[in-house]
N, C-alpha and C. Protein backbone atom coordinates (compact mmCIF):
# COMPACT_ATOMS: atom_id res chain seq x y z
N UNK A 1 0.88 -1.19 -0.07
CA UNK A 1 -0.09 -0.09 -0.04
C UNK A 1 0.73 1.27 0.18
N UNK A 2 2.05 1.20 0.65
CA UNK A 2 2.86 2.19 0.81
C UNK A 2 3.48 2.59 -0.43
N UNK A 3 3.73 1.43 -1.23
CA UNK A 3 4.55 1.68 -2.43
C UNK A 3 3.49 2.38 -3.65
N UNK A 4 2.07 2.15 -3.36
CA UNK A 4 1.10 2.59 -4.29
C UNK A 4 0.96 4.06 -4.13
N UNK A 5 1.01 4.47 -2.87
CA UNK A 5 0.88 5.92 -2.44
C UNK A 5 2.28 6.73 -2.94
N UNK A 6 3.24 5.98 -2.98
CA UNK A 6 4.48 6.52 -3.68
C UNK A 6 4.50 6.73 -4.93
N UNK A 7 3.84 5.72 -5.62
CA UNK A 7 3.81 5.82 -7.24
C UNK A 7 2.88 6.79 -7.49
N UNK A 8 1.69 6.85 -6.77
CA UNK A 8 0.82 8.04 -7.03
C UNK A 8 1.54 9.47 -6.95
N UNK A 9 2.19 9.61 -5.82
CA UNK A 9 2.84 10.77 -5.57
C UNK A 9 3.87 11.18 -6.75
N UNK A 10 4.45 10.15 -7.10
CA UNK A 10 5.51 10.58 -8.20
C UNK A 10 4.89 10.88 -9.51
N UNK A 11 3.64 10.24 -9.79
CA UNK A 11 3.03 10.47 -11.01
C UNK A 11 2.43 12.06 -10.79
N UNK A 12 1.94 12.30 -9.76
CA UNK A 12 1.23 13.51 -9.48
C UNK A 12 2.55 14.68 -9.89
N UNK A 13 3.64 14.39 -9.23
CA UNK A 13 4.63 15.44 -9.25
C UNK A 13 5.22 15.52 -10.79
N UNK A 14 5.35 14.27 -11.64
CA UNK A 14 5.44 14.39 -12.84
C UNK A 14 4.55 15.27 -13.79
N UNK A 15 3.35 14.89 -13.56
CA UNK A 15 2.16 15.71 -14.12
C UNK A 15 2.30 17.12 -14.01
N UNK A 16 2.60 17.32 -12.73
CA UNK A 16 2.70 18.93 -12.34
C UNK A 16 3.88 19.57 -12.97
N UNK A 17 5.05 18.87 -13.10
CA UNK A 17 6.34 19.28 -13.83
C UNK A 17 5.86 19.47 -15.49
N UNK A 18 4.97 18.58 -16.03
CA UNK A 18 4.63 18.93 -17.38
C UNK A 18 3.75 20.04 -17.44
N UNK A 19 2.58 20.04 -16.54
CA UNK A 19 1.77 21.35 -16.58
C UNK A 19 2.81 22.64 -16.54
N UNK A 20 3.56 22.62 -15.71
CA UNK A 20 4.43 23.78 -15.36
C UNK A 20 5.36 24.23 -16.68
N UNK A 21 5.81 23.07 -17.55
CA UNK A 21 6.48 23.22 -18.61
C UNK A 21 5.82 23.85 -19.69
N UNK A 22 4.35 23.15 -19.78
CA UNK A 22 3.75 23.64 -20.87
C UNK A 22 3.19 25.06 -20.54
N UNK A 23 2.95 25.37 -19.35
CA UNK A 23 2.54 26.92 -18.99
C UNK A 23 3.64 27.75 -19.35
N UNK A 24 5.02 27.29 -18.86
CA UNK A 24 6.06 28.27 -19.37
C UNK A 24 6.16 28.46 -20.79
N UNK A 25 6.11 27.44 -21.59
CA UNK A 25 6.14 27.51 -23.13
C UNK A 25 4.97 28.37 -23.78
N UNK A 26 3.72 28.37 -23.06
CA UNK A 26 2.62 29.25 -23.65
C UNK A 26 2.87 30.73 -23.26
N UNK A 27 3.30 31.01 -21.87
CA UNK A 27 3.53 32.22 -21.49
C UNK A 27 4.81 33.05 -22.54
N UNK A 28 5.63 32.28 -22.87
CA UNK A 28 6.73 32.76 -23.84
C UNK A 28 6.09 33.46 -25.05
N UNK A 29 4.88 32.79 -25.40
CA UNK A 29 4.19 33.44 -26.72
C UNK A 29 2.90 34.24 -26.32
N UNK A 30 2.90 34.95 -25.07
CA UNK A 30 1.65 35.70 -24.71
C UNK A 30 2.20 37.02 -24.36
N UNK A 31 1.53 38.13 -24.86
CA UNK A 31 2.07 39.54 -24.55
C UNK A 31 1.72 39.83 -22.83
N UNK A 32 2.22 40.80 -22.43
CA UNK A 32 2.06 41.02 -20.83
C UNK A 32 0.51 40.98 -20.28
N UNK A 33 -0.35 41.65 -21.31
CA UNK A 33 -1.81 41.57 -20.82
C UNK A 33 -2.25 40.37 -20.81
N UNK A 34 -1.92 39.60 -21.95
CA UNK A 34 -2.65 38.14 -21.96
C UNK A 34 -2.09 37.40 -20.66
N UNK A 35 -0.92 37.37 -20.48
CA UNK A 35 -0.23 36.68 -19.34
C UNK A 35 -1.12 37.03 -17.94
N UNK A 36 -1.37 38.44 -17.85
CA UNK A 36 -2.17 38.96 -16.56
C UNK A 36 -3.44 38.17 -16.72
N UNK A 37 -4.16 38.11 -17.90
CA UNK A 37 -5.52 37.62 -18.11
C UNK A 37 -5.56 36.06 -17.67
N UNK A 38 -4.61 35.51 -18.22
CA UNK A 38 -4.20 33.87 -17.98
C UNK A 38 -4.35 33.71 -16.53
N UNK A 39 -3.47 34.50 -15.73
CA UNK A 39 -3.28 34.44 -14.34
C UNK A 39 -4.47 34.57 -13.64
N UNK A 40 -5.43 35.71 -13.93
CA UNK A 40 -6.65 35.81 -13.47
C UNK A 40 -7.48 34.76 -13.60
N UNK A 41 -7.51 34.09 -14.82
CA UNK A 41 -8.31 32.88 -14.93
C UNK A 41 -7.84 31.73 -14.14
N UNK A 42 -6.63 31.57 -14.03
CA UNK A 42 -6.03 30.56 -13.14
C UNK A 42 -6.34 30.68 -11.75
N UNK A 43 -6.36 31.96 -11.33
CA UNK A 43 -6.74 32.14 -9.79
C UNK A 43 -8.17 31.84 -9.50
N UNK A 44 -9.09 31.81 -10.69
CA UNK A 44 -10.64 31.60 -10.24
C UNK A 44 -10.79 30.14 -10.59
N UNK A 45 -10.32 29.69 -11.59
CA UNK A 45 -10.74 28.20 -12.17
C UNK A 45 -9.22 27.56 -12.61
N UNK A 46 -8.92 26.90 -12.05
CA UNK A 46 -7.63 26.25 -12.38
C UNK A 46 -7.87 25.04 -13.60
N UNK A 47 -8.99 24.51 -13.50
CA UNK A 47 -9.12 23.55 -14.66
C UNK A 47 -9.47 24.15 -15.92
N UNK A 48 -10.20 25.46 -15.94
CA UNK A 48 -10.41 26.08 -17.11
C UNK A 48 -9.05 26.44 -17.77
N UNK A 49 -8.22 27.00 -16.63
CA UNK A 49 -6.92 27.54 -17.11
C UNK A 49 -5.94 26.52 -17.83
N UNK A 50 -6.15 25.20 -17.21
CA UNK A 50 -5.34 24.23 -17.82
C UNK A 50 -5.84 23.84 -19.32
N UNK A 51 -7.24 23.92 -19.49
CA UNK A 51 -7.66 23.64 -20.67
C UNK A 51 -7.37 24.76 -21.80
N UNK A 52 -7.24 26.00 -21.24
CA UNK A 52 -6.83 27.18 -22.03
C UNK A 52 -5.21 26.74 -22.34
N UNK A 53 -4.59 26.51 -21.34
CA UNK A 53 -3.07 26.57 -21.64
C UNK A 53 -2.79 25.40 -22.77
N UNK A 54 -3.54 24.18 -22.61
CA UNK A 54 -3.49 23.16 -23.58
C UNK A 54 -3.84 23.54 -24.96
N UNK A 55 -4.88 24.36 -24.94
CA UNK A 55 -5.39 24.96 -26.42
C UNK A 55 -4.39 25.79 -26.92
N UNK A 56 -3.92 26.77 -26.14
CA UNK A 56 -2.87 27.63 -26.69
C UNK A 56 -1.85 27.04 -27.21
N UNK A 57 -1.20 26.04 -26.39
CA UNK A 57 -0.08 25.39 -26.91
C UNK A 57 -0.32 24.64 -28.33
N UNK A 58 -1.50 24.27 -28.53
CA UNK A 58 -1.67 23.40 -29.82
C UNK A 58 -1.83 24.60 -30.86
N UNK A 59 -2.39 25.81 -30.61
CA UNK A 59 -2.57 26.77 -31.53
C UNK A 59 -1.05 27.31 -31.80
N UNK A 60 -0.22 27.65 -30.92
CA UNK A 60 1.13 28.11 -31.11
C UNK A 60 1.82 27.07 -31.94
N UNK A 61 1.93 25.86 -31.44
CA UNK A 61 2.51 24.98 -32.36
C UNK A 61 1.95 24.64 -33.69
N UNK A 62 0.72 24.54 -34.02
CA UNK A 62 0.18 24.21 -35.30
C UNK A 62 0.38 25.68 -36.24
N UNK A 63 0.10 26.87 -35.86
CA UNK A 63 0.04 28.10 -36.58
C UNK A 63 1.56 28.71 -36.44
N UNK A 64 2.25 28.37 -35.60
CA UNK A 64 3.56 28.76 -35.66
C UNK A 64 3.55 30.35 -35.21
N UNK A 65 2.79 30.58 -34.18
CA UNK A 65 2.70 32.05 -33.88
C UNK A 65 3.67 32.46 -32.94
N UNK A 66 4.31 33.71 -32.98
CA UNK A 66 5.12 34.17 -32.26
C UNK A 66 4.72 34.71 -30.99
N UNK A 67 3.76 35.74 -30.89
CA UNK A 67 3.11 36.29 -29.82
C UNK A 67 1.60 36.34 -29.84
N UNK A 68 1.01 36.03 -28.93
CA UNK A 68 -0.64 35.98 -29.00
C UNK A 68 -0.81 37.33 -28.11
N UNK A 69 -1.44 38.21 -28.64
CA UNK A 69 -1.77 39.57 -28.19
C UNK A 69 -2.94 39.20 -27.22
N UNK A 70 -3.33 40.39 -26.31
CA UNK A 70 -4.55 40.12 -25.44
C UNK A 70 -5.83 40.12 -26.37
N UNK A 71 -5.81 41.03 -27.23
CA UNK A 71 -6.88 40.99 -28.20
C UNK A 71 -7.23 39.44 -28.69
N UNK A 72 -6.20 38.99 -29.38
CA UNK A 72 -6.17 37.56 -29.93
C UNK A 72 -6.71 36.43 -28.82
N UNK A 73 -6.12 36.58 -27.44
CA UNK A 73 -6.50 35.83 -26.54
C UNK A 73 -7.96 36.01 -26.06
N UNK A 74 -8.39 37.12 -26.06
CA UNK A 74 -9.88 37.29 -25.82
C UNK A 74 -10.81 36.50 -26.92
N UNK A 75 -10.42 36.80 -28.21
CA UNK A 75 -11.07 36.07 -29.17
C UNK A 75 -11.16 34.52 -29.06
N UNK A 76 -10.09 34.00 -28.74
CA UNK A 76 -9.94 32.57 -28.26
C UNK A 76 -10.90 32.15 -27.09
N UNK A 77 -10.72 33.02 -26.12
CA UNK A 77 -11.81 32.67 -25.03
C UNK A 77 -13.28 32.73 -25.39
N UNK A 78 -13.62 33.92 -26.13
CA UNK A 78 -14.96 33.97 -26.67
C UNK A 78 -15.47 32.63 -27.59
N UNK A 79 -14.44 32.09 -28.41
CA UNK A 79 -14.70 31.12 -29.25
C UNK A 79 -14.84 29.67 -28.41
N UNK A 80 -14.21 29.80 -27.32
CA UNK A 80 -14.22 28.68 -26.25
C UNK A 80 -15.73 28.65 -25.33
N UNK A 81 -16.12 29.84 -25.01
CA UNK A 81 -17.37 30.05 -24.47
C UNK A 81 -18.58 29.93 -25.19
N UNK A 82 -18.47 30.28 -26.59
CA UNK A 82 -19.58 30.20 -27.54
C UNK A 82 -19.80 28.74 -27.83
N UNK A 83 -18.63 27.76 -28.01
CA UNK A 83 -18.62 26.36 -28.16
C UNK A 83 -19.22 25.65 -26.98
N UNK A 84 -19.02 26.09 -25.83
CA UNK A 84 -19.38 25.51 -24.69
C UNK A 84 -20.95 25.83 -24.41
N UNK A 85 -21.48 26.95 -24.74
CA UNK A 85 -22.79 27.37 -24.58
C UNK A 85 -23.81 26.93 -25.59
N UNK A 86 -23.30 26.28 -26.75
CA UNK A 86 -24.35 25.96 -27.78
C UNK A 86 -24.92 24.69 -27.30
N UNK A 87 -26.07 24.67 -27.14
CA UNK A 87 -26.80 23.53 -26.53
C UNK A 87 -28.22 23.31 -27.29
N UNK A 88 -28.37 22.25 -27.73
CA UNK A 88 -29.66 22.12 -28.36
C UNK A 88 -30.57 21.22 -27.76
N UNK A 89 -31.92 21.52 -27.80
CA UNK A 89 -32.85 20.76 -27.05
C UNK A 89 -33.80 20.22 -28.02
N UNK A 90 -34.03 19.02 -27.91
CA UNK A 90 -34.89 18.25 -28.67
C UNK A 90 -36.20 17.86 -28.20
N UNK A 91 -37.19 18.15 -28.46
CA UNK A 91 -38.52 17.72 -27.66
C UNK A 91 -39.16 16.73 -28.77
N UNK A 92 -39.60 15.70 -27.97
CA UNK A 92 -40.44 14.53 -28.74
C UNK A 92 -41.90 14.53 -28.53
């Protein structure tokens, strides 16, 4: 049982290191205002911040973007919200 707890702890540490590395990578491609906005989101909802960080890293890697401005970041957030809110109700 002790071995299992130790393995879980090591896996959590590795996962946290990967998240930190990804966040560092993304922040290198954000302007100062966008970094502040991401920090605000992270302080309110860490899960949403992680989703945003993963999405931004994909966008940066696929589009070879140098710097994401705060305006571009806002547009990405709006797209995320609009996708999330699009709900269809089917009545029978």
